C-alpha atoms as a PDB file:
ATOM      1  CA  MET A   1      -2.056   4.562 -11.869  1.00  0.00           C
ATOM      2  CA  TRP A   2      -5.019   4.535  -9.607  1.00  0.00           C
ATOM      3  CA  HIS A   3      -7.418   7.415  -8.756  1.00  0.00           C
ATOM      4  CA  THR A   4      -6.899   6.227  -4.782  1.00  0.00           C
ATOM      5  CA  SER A   5      -7.927   7.647  -1.737  1.00  0.00           C
ATOM      6  CA  GLN A   6      -4.618   8.688  -0.851  1.00  0.00           C
ATOM      7  CA  GLY A   7      -4.064  10.623  -4.529  1.00  0.00           C
ATOM      8  CA  ASP A   8      -3.401   9.292  -7.660  1.00  0.00           C
ATOM      9  CA  ARG A   9      -0.550   6.715  -7.084  1.00  0.00           C
ATOM     10  CA  THR A  10       1.086   3.424  -8.520  1.00  0.00           C
ATOM     11  CA  LEU A  11       1.475   0.379  -6.019  1.00  0.00           C
ATOM     12  CA  GLU A  12       5.026  -0.105  -4.726  1.00  0.00           C
ATOM     13  CA  GLY A  13       7.017  -2.232  -2.769  1.00  0.00           C
ATOM     14  CA  ALA A  14       4.710  -4.650  -0.096  1.00  0.00           C
ATOM     15  CA  GLU A  15       1.654  -2.818  -1.651  1.00  0.00           C
ATOM     16  CA  ALA A  16       2.132  -4.330  -4.818  1.00  0.00           C
ATOM     17  CA  GLU A  17       3.073  -7.491  -4.004  1.00  0.00           C
ATOM     18  CA  LEU A  18       0.102  -8.311  -2.143  1.00  0.00           C
ATOM     19  CA  MET A  19      -1.892  -6.930  -4.759  1.00  0.00           C
ATOM     20  CA  GLN A  20      -0.248  -9.207  -7.255  1.00  0.00           C
ATOM     21  CA  ARG A  21      -0.608 -12.418  -5.388  1.00  0.00           C
ATOM     22  CA  LEU A  22      -4.524 -11.341  -5.143  1.00  0.00           C
ATOM     23  CA  VAL A  23      -4.505 -10.806  -8.733  1.00  0.00           C
ATOM     24  CA  GLU A  24      -2.737 -13.439  -9.717  1.00  0.00           C
ATOM     25  CA  SER A  25      -5.451 -15.537  -6.963  1.00  0.00           C
ATOM     26  CA  LEU A  26      -8.434 -14.648  -8.663  1.00  0.00           C
ATOM     27  CA  LEU A  27      -7.207 -15.260 -11.696  1.00  0.00           C
ATOM     28  CA  GLU A  28      -6.583 -18.669 -11.457  1.00  0.00           C
ATOM     29  CA  ASP A  29      -9.919 -19.374  -9.941  1.00  0.00           C
ATOM     30  CA  LEU A  30     -11.637 -17.447 -13.318  1.00  0.00           C
ATOM     31  CA  LEU A  31      -9.737 -19.764 -15.185  1.00  0.00           C
ATOM     32  CA  LEU A  32     -11.089 -22.925 -13.908  1.00  0.00           C
ATOM     33  CA  GLN A  33     -14.423 -21.409 -15.404  1.00  0.00           C
ATOM     34  CA  PHE A  34     -13.236 -22.078 -19.369  1.00  0.00           C
ATOM     35  CA  ASP A  35     -12.333 -25.297 -21.568  1.00  0.00           C
ATOM     36  CA  GLU A  36      -9.070 -25.220 -23.922  1.00  0.00           C
ATOM     37  CA  ASP A  37     -11.208 -23.375 -26.324  1.00  0.00           C
ATOM     38  CA  TRP A  38     -12.128 -20.809 -23.937  1.00  0.00           C
ATOM     39  CA  GLN A  39     -15.697 -21.630 -23.917  1.00  0.00           C
ATOM     40  CA  PRO A  40     -17.613 -21.294 -20.430  1.00  0.00           C
ATOM     41  CA  THR A  41     -18.079 -24.399 -18.603  1.00  0.00           C
ATOM     42  CA  GLU A  42     -20.595 -25.513 -15.972  1.00  0.00           C
ATOM     43  CA  ASP A  43     -17.979 -27.633 -13.780  1.00  0.00           C
ATOM     44  CA  TRP A  44     -16.703 -24.056 -11.636  1.00  0.00           C
ATOM     45  CA  SER A  45     -18.194 -20.926 -10.609  1.00  0.00           C
ATOM     46  CA  CYS A  46     -16.138 -18.056  -8.618  1.00  0.00           C
ATOM     47  CA  ASP A  47     -18.097 -16.253  -6.002  1.00  0.00           C
ATOM     48  CA  THR A  48     -16.299 -13.320  -4.307  1.00  0.00           C
ATOM     49  CA  GLY A  49     -19.186 -12.255  -2.186  1.00  0.00           C
ATOM     50  CA  VAL A  50     -19.377  -8.770  -4.261  1.00  0.00           C
ATOM     51  CA  GLU A  51     -22.137  -8.670  -6.169  1.00  0.00           C
ATOM     52  CA  LEU A  52     -21.492  -6.257  -9.242  1.00  0.00           C
ATOM     53  CA  PHE A  53     -18.759  -8.058  -9.752  1.00  0.00           C
ATOM     54  CA  ASP A  54     -20.320 -11.956  -9.420  1.00  0.00           C
ATOM     55  CA  ASN A  55     -23.441 -10.974 -11.454  1.00  0.00           C
ATOM     56  CA  LEU A  56     -20.735 -10.226 -14.663  1.00  0.00           C
ATOM     57  CA  HIS A  57     -19.186 -12.979 -17.326  1.00  0.00           C
ATOM     58  CA  SER A  58     -16.422 -14.456 -16.687  1.00  0.00           C
ATOM     59  CA  GLU A  59     -14.748 -12.927 -19.785  1.00  0.00           C
ATOM     60  CA  GLN A  60     -15.704  -9.427 -18.512  1.00  0.00           C
ATOM     61  CA  GLN A  61     -13.878 -10.671 -15.021  1.00  0.00           C
ATOM     62  CA  ILE A  62     -11.243 -11.492 -16.795  1.00  0.00           C
ATOM     63  CA  ALA A  63     -11.061  -8.039 -18.656  1.00  0.00           C
ATOM     64  CA  LEU A  64     -11.307  -5.813 -15.658  1.00  0.00           C
ATOM     65  CA  LEU A  65      -8.988  -8.055 -13.423  1.00  0.00           C
ATOM     66  CA  HIS A  66      -6.551  -7.250 -16.618  1.00  0.00           C
ATOM     67  CA  ASP A  67      -7.030  -3.489 -16.609  1.00  0.00           C
ATOM     68  CA  VAL A  68      -7.558  -3.077 -12.469  1.00  0.00           C
ATOM     69  CA  ALA A  69      -4.073  -4.764 -12.309  1.00  0.00           C
ATOM     70  CA  GLN A  70      -2.668  -2.645 -14.943  1.00  0.00           C
ATOM     71  CA  HIS A  71      -3.515   0.538 -13.242  1.00  0.00           C
ATOM     72  CA  LEU A  72      -2.713  -0.151 -10.357  1.00  0.00           C
ATOM     73  CA  LEU A  73       0.827  -1.618 -11.141  1.00  0.00           C
ATOM     74  CA  GLU A  74       2.008  -0.041 -13.472  1.00  0.00           C
ATOM     75  CA  PRO A  75       2.599   4.185 -13.959  1.00  0.00           C
ATOM     76  CA  THR A  76      -0.082   4.496 -16.892  1.00  0.00           C
ATOM     77  CA  PRO A  77      -0.449   7.978 -18.366  1.00  0.00           C
ATOM     78  CA  GLU A  78      -3.703   8.261 -16.597  1.00  0.00           C
ATOM     79  CA  GLY A  79      -5.652   6.462 -13.782  1.00  0.00           C
ATOM     80  CA  MET A  80      -8.489   4.344 -14.529  1.00  0.00           C
ATOM     81  CA  PRO A  81     -11.954   6.100 -14.721  1.00  0.00           C
ATOM     82  CA  LEU A  82     -13.627   5.278 -11.244  1.00  0.00           C
ATOM     83  CA  SER A  83     -16.513   3.089 -11.794  1.00  0.00           C
ATOM     84  CA  ALA A  84     -18.760   0.935  -9.796  1.00  0.00           C
ATOM     85  CA  ILE A  85     -17.595  -2.398 -11.779  1.00  0.00           C
ATOM     86  CA  ALA A  86     -13.643  -0.967 -11.676  1.00  0.00           C
ATOM     87  CA  GLU A  87     -14.065  -0.373  -7.633  1.00  0.00           C
ATOM     88  CA  ALA A  88     -16.287  -3.464  -7.185  1.00  0.00           C
ATOM     89  CA  THR A  89     -13.124  -5.408  -8.896  1.00  0.00           C
ATOM     90  CA  VAL A  90     -10.727  -4.001  -6.382  1.00  0.00           C
ATOM     91  CA  ALA A  91     -13.173  -4.910  -3.486  1.00  0.00           C
ATOM     92  CA  ALA A  92     -13.410  -8.582  -5.064  1.00  0.00           C
ATOM     93  CA  LEU A  93      -9.568  -8.597  -4.924  1.00  0.00           C
ATOM     94  CA  PHE A  94      -9.957  -7.748  -0.816  1.00  0.00           C
ATOM     95  CA  ALA A  95     -12.771 -10.358  -0.526  1.00  0.00           C
ATOM     96  CA  GLU A  96     -10.445 -12.936  -2.186  1.00  0.00           C
ATOM     97  CA  LEU A  97      -7.767 -12.065   0.667  1.00  0.00           C
ATOM     98  CA  HIS A  98     -10.255 -12.579   3.550  1.00  0.00           C
ATOM     99  CA  HIS A  99     -11.025 -15.801   1.932  1.00  0.00           C
ATOM    100  CA  HIS A 100      -7.592 -16.656   1.812  1.00  0.00           C
ATOM    101  CA  VAL A 101      -6.844 -15.897   5.737  1.00  0.00           C
ATOM    102  CA  GLU A 102     -10.210 -17.733   6.856  1.00  0.00           C
ATOM    103  CA  ILE A 103      -8.222 -20.826   5.410  1.00  0.00           C
ATOM    104  CA  GLU A 104      -4.954 -20.293   6.866  1.00  0.00           C
ATOM    105  CA  LEU A 105      -6.424 -19.370  10.356  1.00  0.00           C
ATOM    106  CA  ASP A 106      -8.706 -22.564  10.338  1.00  0.00           C
ATOM    107  CA  LEU A 107      -5.220 -24.512   9.555  1.00  0.00           C
ATOM    108  CA  ALA A 108      -3.833 -22.479  12.282  1.00  0.00           C
ATOM    109  CA  MET A 109      -1.864 -25.640  13.854  1.00  0.00           C
ATOM    110  CA  ASP A 110       0.287 -25.376  10.886  1.00  0.00           C
ATOM    111  CA  ALA A 111       2.756 -22.904  12.235  1.00  0.00           C
ATOM    112  CA  ASP A 112       4.551 -22.033   8.903  1.00  0.00           C
ATOM    113  CA  ASN A 113       1.216 -21.586   6.937  1.00  0.00           C
ATOM    114  CA  VAL A 114       1.501 -17.582   7.741  1.00  0.00           C
ATOM    115  CA  HIS A 115       1.606 -16.655   3.370  1.00  0.00           C
ATOM    116  CA  TRP A 116      -0.979 -14.439   3.208  1.00  0.00           C
ATOM    117  CA  ARG A 117      -0.787 -13.125   7.127  1.00  0.00           C
ATOM    118  CA  ARG A 118       2.766 -12.103   6.089  1.00  0.00           C
ATOM    119  CA  LEU A 119       2.016 -10.279   2.912  1.00  0.00           C
ATOM    120  CA  ILE A 120      -0.752  -8.469   4.584  1.00  0.00           C
ATOM    121  CA  ARG A 121       1.372  -7.403   7.562  1.00  0.00           C
ATOM    122  CA  ASN A 122       4.092  -6.048   5.545  1.00  0.00           C
ATOM    123  CA  ALA A 123       2.073  -4.181   3.197  1.00  0.00           C
ATOM    124  CA  ALA A 124       0.218  -2.721   6.563  1.00  0.00           C
ATOM    125  CA  LEU A 125       3.672  -1.745   7.758  1.00  0.00           C
ATOM    126  CA  GLN A 126       4.637  -0.069   4.368  1.00  0.00           C
ATOM    127  CA  CYS A 127       1.529   1.601   4.732  1.00  0.00           C
ATOM    128  CA  LEU A 128       1.695   2.721   8.111  1.00  0.00           C
ATOM    129  CA  GLN A 129       5.542   4.212   7.310  1.00  0.00           C
ATOM    130  CA  ARG A 130       4.147   6.297   4.277  1.00  0.00           C
ATOM    131  CA  ASP A 131       1.601   7.693   6.631  1.00  0.00           C
ATOM    132  CA  ASP A 132       4.555   8.476   8.412  1.00  0.00           C
ATOM    133  CA  LEU A 133       2.476   6.961  11.840  1.00  0.00           C
ATOM    134  CA  LEU A 134       5.583   4.486  12.696  1.00  0.00           C
ATOM    135  CA  GLY A 135       7.708   6.934  13.676  1.00  0.00           C
ATOM    136  CA  LEU A 136      10.709   8.814  12.290  1.00  0.00           C
ATOM    137  CA  ASP A 137      13.249   6.348  14.089  1.00  0.00           C
ATOM    138  CA  SER A 138      11.311   3.397  12.857  1.00  0.00           C
ATOM    139  CA  SER A 139      11.232   0.921   9.918  1.00  0.00           C
ATOM    140  CA  VAL A 140       9.303  -1.632   8.118  1.00  0.00           C
ATOM    141  CA  ASP A 141      11.610  -4.419   9.460  1.00  0.00           C
ATOM    142  CA  ASP A 142      11.122  -3.229  13.140  1.00  0.00           C
ATOM    143  CA  VAL A 143       8.426  -5.120  15.526  1.00  0.00           C
ATOM    144  CA  ILE A 144       5.349  -3.165  15.496  1.00  0.00           C
ATOM    145  CA  ARG A 145       2.896  -3.788  18.734  1.00  0.00           C
ATOM    146  CA  ALA A 146      -0.148  -2.434  18.775  1.00  0.00           C
ATOM    147  CA  GLU A 147       0.626   0.437  21.379  1.00  0.00           C
ATOM    148  CA  ASP A 148       2.928   1.501  19.179  1.00  0.00           C
ATOM    149  CA  VAL A 149       0.210   3.162  16.652  1.00  0.00           C
ATOM    150  CA  SER A 150      -1.633   3.488  19.607  1.00  0.00           C
ATOM    151  CA  SER A 151      -2.758   6.956  17.562  1.00  0.00           C
ATOM    152  CA  THR A 152      -4.444   5.246  14.944  1.00  0.00           C
ATOM    153  CA  ASP A 153      -6.842   2.458  14.330  1.00  0.00           C
ATOM    154  CA  PHE A 154      -4.529   0.848  12.492  1.00  0.00           C
ATOM    155  CA  ARG A 155      -3.513  -2.168  14.424  1.00  0.00           C
ATOM    156  CA  VAL A 156      -1.022  -5.101  12.732  1.00  0.00           C
ATOM    157  CA  PRO A 157      -1.020  -8.229  14.638  1.00  0.00           C
ATOM    158  CA  GLU A 158       2.081 -10.485  14.589  1.00  0.00           C
ATOM    159  CA  VAL A 159       2.495 -12.964  11.662  1.00  0.00           C
ATOM    160  CA  GLN A 160       1.303 -15.787  14.186  1.00  0.00           C
ATOM    161  CA  SER A 161      -1.661 -14.332  15.026  1.00  0.00           C
ATOM    162  CA  ILE A 162      -5.119 -16.136  15.088  1.00  0.00           C
ATOM    163  CA  ASP A 163      -6.979 -13.158  15.876  1.00  0.00           C
ATOM    164  CA  CYS A 164      -9.728 -12.997  12.680  1.00  0.00           C
ATOM    165  CA  ILE A 165     -11.074  -9.427  13.916  1.00  0.00           C
ATOM    166  CA  ALA A 166      -7.574  -8.128  14.152  1.00  0.00           C
ATOM    167  CA  TRP A 167      -7.009  -9.190  10.706  1.00  0.00           C
ATOM    168  CA  GLY A 168     -10.176  -8.204   9.044  1.00  0.00           C
ATOM    169  CA  ASP A 169      -9.855  -4.858  10.171  1.00  0.00           C
ATOM    170  CA  VAL A 170      -6.009  -4.716   8.916  1.00  0.00           C
ATOM    171  CA  ILE A 171      -7.589  -5.917   5.447  1.00  0.00           C
ATOM    172  CA  GLU A 172     -10.053  -3.396   5.324  1.00  0.00           C
ATOM    173  CA  THR A 173      -8.147  -0.779   6.342  1.00  0.00           C
ATOM    174  CA  LEU A 174      -5.719  -1.803   3.559  1.00  0.00           C
ATOM    175  CA  ALA A 175      -8.682  -1.584   1.092  1.00  0.00           C
ATOM    176  CA  ASP A 176      -9.508   1.671   2.382  1.00  0.00           C
ATOM    177  CA  GLN A 177      -5.877   2.451   0.875  1.00  0.00           C
ATOM    178  CA  ILE A 178      -7.531   2.110  -2.780  1.00  0.00           C
ATOM    179  CA  LEU A 179     -10.793   2.790  -2.660  1.00  0.00           C
ATOM    180  CA  TRP A 180     -12.949   5.899  -1.679  1.00  0.00           C
ATOM    181  CA  ASP A 181     -15.864   4.257  -0.346  1.00  0.00           C
ATOM    182  CA  ARG A 182     -18.331   1.501  -1.025  1.00  0.00           C
ATOM    183  CA  ASP A 183     -20.433   3.180  -3.729  1.00  0.00           C
ATOM    184  CA  PHE A 184     -20.407   0.725  -5.938  1.00  0.00           C
ATOM    185  CA  GLU A 185     -22.611  -1.601  -3.612  1.00  0.00           C
ATOM    186  CA  MET A 186     -25.711   0.844  -3.920  1.00  0.00           C
ATOM    187  CA  ALA A 187     -25.194   0.260  -8.166  1.00  0.00           C
ATOM    188  CA  SER A 188     -28.624  -1.656  -8.104  1.00  0.00           C
ATOM    189  CA  LEU A 189     -30.576   1.228  -6.361  1.00  0.00           C
ATOM    190  CA  PHE A 190     -29.444   3.540  -8.829  1.00  0.00           C
ATOM    191  CA  LEU A 191     -30.121   1.524 -11.872  1.00  0.00           C
ATOM    192  CA  ASP A 192     -33.526   0.235 -10.725  1.00  0.00           C
ATOM    193  CA  GLU A 193     -34.645   3.938  -9.685  1.00  0.00           C
ATOM    194  CA  ASP A 194     -35.916   6.699 -11.803  1.00  0.00           C
ATOM    195  CA  PRO A 195     -33.501   8.636 -14.036  1.00  0.00           C
ATOM    196  CA  ARG A 196     -34.187  12.117 -12.555  1.00  0.00           C
ATOM    197  CA  ARG A 197     -34.581  11.265  -9.162  1.00  0.00           C
ATOM    198  CA  SER A 198     -31.091   9.043  -9.371  1.00  0.00           C
ATOM    199  CA  ALA A 199     -29.195  11.771 -10.671  1.00  0.00           C
ATOM    200  CA  THR A 200     -30.462  14.257  -7.991  1.00  0.00           C
ATOM    201  CA  ARG A 201     -29.177  11.531  -5.567  1.00  0.00           C
ATOM    202  CA  ARG A 202     -25.676  11.061  -7.172  1.00  0.00           C
ATOM    203  CA  GLU A 203     -25.489  14.986  -7.147  1.00  0.00           C
ATOM    204  CA  VAL A 204     -26.103  15.131  -3.404  1.00  0.00           C
ATOM    205  CA  MET A 205     -23.328  11.998  -2.728  1.00  0.00           C
ATOM    206  CA  GLY A 206     -20.954  13.555  -5.196  1.00  0.00           C
ATOM    207  CA  ILE A 207     -21.158  11.014  -7.488  1.00  0.00           C
ATOM    208  CA  ASP A 208     -19.571  11.376 -10.994  1.00  0.00           C
ATOM    209  CA  ALA A 209     -22.686  10.430 -13.558  1.00  0.00           C
ATOM    210  CA  ASN A 210     -21.000   8.004 -15.722  1.00  0.00           C
ATOM    211  CA  TYR A 211     -19.958   5.971 -12.421  1.00  0.00           C
ATOM    212  CA  PHE A 212     -22.855   3.423 -12.317  1.00  0.00           C
ATOM    213  CA  VAL A 213     -23.385   3.161 -16.334  1.00  0.00           C
ATOM    214  CA  GLN A 214     -19.919   2.496 -16.862  1.00  0.00           C
ATOM    215  CA  ILE A 215     -20.019  -1.139 -19.207  1.00  0.00           C
ATOM    216  CA  ALA A 216     -17.651  -3.594 -18.916  1.00  0.00           C
ATOM    217  CA  PRO A 217     -15.020  -4.723 -21.522  1.00  0.00           C
ATOM    218  CA  ASP A 218     -16.422  -7.826 -23.137  1.00  0.00           C
ATOM    219  CA  PRO A 219     -13.454  -9.892 -25.169  1.00  0.00           C
ATOM    220  CA  ARG A 220     -14.049 -12.123 -27.832  1.00  0.00           C
ATOM    221  CA  PRO A 221     -12.394 -16.150 -27.210  1.00  0.00           C
ATOM    222  CA  HIS A 222      -9.635 -14.987 -29.708  1.00  0.00           C
ATOM    223  CA  GLU A 223      -8.536 -12.619 -27.414  1.00  0.00           C
ATOM    224  CA  MET A 224      -9.186 -14.303 -24.026  1.00  0.00           C
ATOM    225  CA  SER A 225      -5.227 -16.086 -24.500  1.00  0.00           C
ATOM    226  CA  SER A 226      -3.379 -13.090 -25.154  1.00  0.00           C
ATOM    227  CA  LEU A 227      -5.193 -10.836 -22.240  1.00  0.00           C
ATOM    228  CA  VAL A 228      -4.434 -13.527 -19.686  1.00  0.00           C
ATOM    229  CA  SER A 229      -0.907 -13.690 -20.968  1.00  0.00           C
ATOM    230  CA  GLU A 230      -0.775  -9.942 -20.222  1.00  0.00           C
ATOM    231  CA  THR A 231      -1.803 -10.070 -16.761  1.00  0.00           C
ATOM    232  CA  GLN A 232       0.229 -13.072 -15.915  1.00  0.00           C
ATOM    233  CA  ALA A 233       2.945 -10.535 -17.281  1.00  0.00           C
ATOM    234  CA  LEU A 234       2.225  -8.022 -14.987  1.00  0.00           C
ATOM    235  CA  ILE A 235       1.961  -9.774 -11.961  1.00  0.00           C
ATOM    236  CA  ARG A 236       5.497 -11.501 -12.288  1.00  0.00           C
ATOM    237  CA  ARG A 237       7.142  -8.377 -12.747  1.00  0.00           C
ATOM    238  CA  ARG A 238       9.105  -7.180  -9.532  1.00  0.00           C
ATOM    239  CA  PRO A 239       7.657  -4.543  -7.305  1.00  0.00           C
ATOM    240  CA  ARG A 240       8.681  -1.032  -7.743  1.00  0.00           C
END
């Protein structure tokens, strides 16, 4: 369970499937940074563009990815405490999604290469249905046109669309279904500031005192194999 902007919830259906594939993709990228003995190598670096996540050690990134996936995809007794590093991990997953769509659009001549756009569209339509924005007589399987959802800013392109801006908007809207805001992007400002001024600013902005100081898990090499196996098990399960 996750404390999302839409309430405490566990991802289901198409939204969960999209997250599973994103976790799988990012995990594969992170694993390229290790040799067979779980020692970091210099041959590969994983740069998502989310500074707070990218600055962590690879072992910490994998551990966070496991914890985030578990709380997003499983009905855990309690939601994962919201922290800058946890939300930065979610943001890194959606940054990965932006990257995949950019690649698909670069290869737009291949009409069958719509894997990520199809996952995005299915998840977006599910969110519209959940929020009752499709209308009582519509279903996720219906073809949705822009005018069908004119009462919202949530425009869902057809899977063959090569409108980069439209896909980017949908990705950000899907991220907003989970993330409250982008406070994690201000981590360096709060951590480098005078503690008293930082506390005052956090209070004014409604940010929890522990949000920026939560420490990332730091697994040992002998723990990595089971951690990866548990994460892979999470992303293989059929979405609820």
